Protein backbone atom coordinates (compact mmCIF):
# COMPACT_ATOMS: atom_id res chain seq x y z
CA MET A 1 -3.16 -16.81 16.69
CA LYS A 2 -6.06 -18.14 14.59
CA ASN A 3 -7.53 -16.15 11.68
CA ILE A 4 -11.13 -14.95 12.01
CA LEU A 5 -11.95 -16.16 8.48
CA GLU A 6 -11.12 -19.60 7.11
CA LYS A 7 -10.38 -18.12 3.69
CA ASP A 8 -8.69 -14.76 3.06
CA ILE A 9 -10.63 -11.91 1.50
CA THR A 10 -8.92 -10.77 -1.69
CA ALA A 11 -9.24 -7.53 -3.61
CA HIS A 12 -8.31 -6.53 -7.15
CA ILE A 13 -8.14 -3.13 -8.83
CA GLY A 14 -7.31 -2.46 -12.46
CA THR A 15 -7.01 0.87 -14.22
CA GLN A 16 -10.53 2.13 -13.43
CA LYS A 17 -10.01 4.67 -10.66
CA TYR A 18 -11.14 3.37 -7.22
CA PHE A 19 -13.27 0.50 -8.64
CA SER A 20 -12.28 -2.75 -6.93
CA THR A 21 -13.58 -6.30 -6.83
CA ILE A 22 -13.65 -8.02 -3.45
CA SER A 23 -13.72 -11.82 -3.34
CA TRP A 24 -14.98 -13.63 -0.28
CA ARG A 25 -15.73 -17.30 0.46
CA ASN A 26 -19.01 -17.39 -1.51
CA GLY A 27 -18.64 -14.81 -4.22
CA GLN A 28 -17.66 -11.30 -5.13
CA PHE A 29 -18.87 -7.76 -4.67
CA ILE A 30 -17.61 -4.42 -5.90
CA MET A 31 -16.48 -1.36 -4.03
CA ASP A 32 -15.98 2.15 -5.31
CA GLU A 33 -15.69 5.72 -4.12
CA PRO A 34 -18.27 8.51 -4.39
CA GLU A 35 -18.31 10.65 -7.52
CA ASN A 36 -17.30 13.77 -5.55
CA ILE A 37 -13.81 12.29 -5.04
CA GLY A 38 -13.39 10.74 -8.48
CA GLY A 39 -15.14 7.38 -8.24
CA LYS A 40 -18.34 6.35 -9.98
CA ASP A 41 -20.24 5.33 -6.81
CA LEU A 42 -20.92 1.85 -8.21
CA GLY A 43 -20.53 0.15 -4.84
CA PRO A 44 -19.94 0.94 -1.19
CA ASP A 45 -16.80 2.83 -0.27
CA PRO A 46 -14.48 1.49 2.48
CA TYR A 47 -16.07 3.63 5.22
CA THR A 48 -19.53 2.38 4.25
CA ALA A 49 -18.33 -1.23 4.33
CA LEU A 50 -16.78 -0.74 7.76
CA LEU A 51 -19.92 0.88 9.17
CA ALA A 52 -22.11 -1.79 7.52
CA SER A 53 -20.04 -4.44 9.31
CA LEU A 54 -20.71 -2.79 12.66
CA ALA A 55 -24.42 -2.41 11.86
CA SER A 56 -24.99 -5.97 10.67
CA CYS A 57 -22.97 -7.52 13.50
CA THR A 58 -24.88 -5.48 16.08
CA ILE A 59 -28.36 -6.35 14.87
CA ALA A 60 -27.45 -10.00 14.31
CA ILE A 61 -26.26 -10.45 17.91
CA LEU A 62 -29.32 -8.56 19.17
CA ARG A 63 -31.61 -10.83 17.12
CA MET A 64 -29.93 -13.94 18.56
CA TYR A 65 -30.30 -12.61 22.11
CA ILE A 66 -33.91 -11.48 21.68
CA ASP A 67 -34.87 -14.83 20.16
CA ARG A 68 -33.11 -16.74 22.95
CA LYS A 69 -34.99 -14.71 25.55
CA GLY A 70 -38.29 -15.25 23.71
CA TRP A 71 -39.05 -11.53 23.64
CA ASP A 72 -41.68 -10.33 21.15
CA ILE A 73 -39.54 -7.84 19.21
CA PRO A 74 -40.08 -8.56 15.49
CA GLU A 75 -37.86 -5.82 14.03
CA ILE A 76 -34.55 -4.21 14.92
CA ASN A 77 -33.35 -1.10 13.09
CA ILE A 78 -29.98 0.58 13.34
CA THR A 79 -28.30 3.66 11.97
CA VAL A 80 -24.54 4.08 12.20
CA ASN A 81 -22.04 6.75 11.31
CA ALA A 82 -18.60 7.91 12.32
CA ALA A 83 -16.84 11.19 12.93
CA GLN A 84 -13.13 11.88 13.16
CA GLU A 85 -11.22 14.34 15.27
CA GLN A 86 -7.95 15.06 13.55
CA GLU A 87 -6.57 17.84 15.72
CA GLY A 88 -4.42 16.63 18.56
CA GLU A 89 -4.72 12.88 19.04
CA PHE A 90 -6.46 11.23 16.07
CA GLU A 91 -9.79 9.82 17.22
CA THR A 92 -12.70 8.15 15.46
CA ILE A 93 -16.08 8.15 17.16
CA PHE A 94 -18.65 5.61 15.99
CA SER A 95 -22.30 6.31 16.71
CA ARG A 96 -25.10 3.81 16.45
CA GLN A 97 -28.78 4.33 17.15
CA ILE A 98 -30.82 1.19 17.67
CA THR A 99 -34.62 1.19 17.51
CA PHE A 100 -37.22 -1.54 17.74
CA SER A 101 -40.63 -2.01 16.13
CA LYS A 102 -42.15 -2.50 19.58
CA GLU A 103 -41.63 -0.71 22.86
CA VAL A 104 -38.95 -2.28 25.05
CA THR A 105 -38.70 -1.96 28.83
CA THR A 106 -35.94 -0.04 30.57
CA GLU A 107 -34.52 -3.34 31.80
CA GLN A 108 -34.53 -4.75 28.25
CA LYS A 109 -32.86 -1.58 26.93
CA GLU A 110 -30.05 -1.83 29.47
CA LYS A 111 -29.39 -5.48 28.61
CA LEU A 112 -29.62 -4.87 24.85
CA ILE A 113 -27.01 -2.11 25.05
CA LEU A 114 -24.66 -4.50 26.87
CA ILE A 115 -25.27 -7.16 24.21
CA ALA A 116 -24.76 -4.66 21.35
CA ASN A 117 -21.38 -3.74 22.81
CA LYS A 118 -20.41 -7.42 22.82
CA CYS A 119 -20.83 -7.93 19.08
CA PRO A 120 -17.52 -9.17 17.64
CA VAL A 121 -17.06 -6.16 15.34
CA SER A 122 -17.59 -3.79 18.30
CA LYS A 123 -14.92 -5.69 20.20
CA ILE A 124 -12.51 -5.41 17.26
CA LEU A 125 -13.09 -1.68 16.89
CA LYS A 126 -12.63 -1.06 20.64
CA GLY A 127 -9.58 -3.29 21.00
CA LYS A 128 -5.94 -2.85 20.14
CA ILE A 129 -5.44 -3.20 16.40
CA THR A 130 -2.18 -4.01 14.65
CA ILE A 131 -1.96 -4.04 10.86
CA LYS A 132 0.87 -6.09 9.41
CA THR A 133 1.66 -5.19 5.80
CA GLN A 134 3.93 -7.11 3.45
CA LEU A 135 4.98 -6.49 -0.15
């Protein structure tokens, strides 16, 4: 099985509660937790990063498709969030609302929903996930 990324993402945390540095192929960014749970809100929290991945993947694949079709849709906007049901079987429900700067036809809407659901992050979140942890 081939890795998605050529180079692993690494993370480091010191003694500052929840503040971590994430290194990726071209640099670093920080992540933190909101103040209401003890962080300093200096960067996105893990839920925000996960939802941002879904949002950016979705609009990127839509942009590629719209451009390939030659449709005049200059802007794509998306809002995403998630809710969790913890009683009974644990379930997470992701919601995303996509809007465009111009009116799109019903036919375009139907196709764009299909394309949005094919973004790689959507596929990951809908598929079977196994997390292998080593110490």
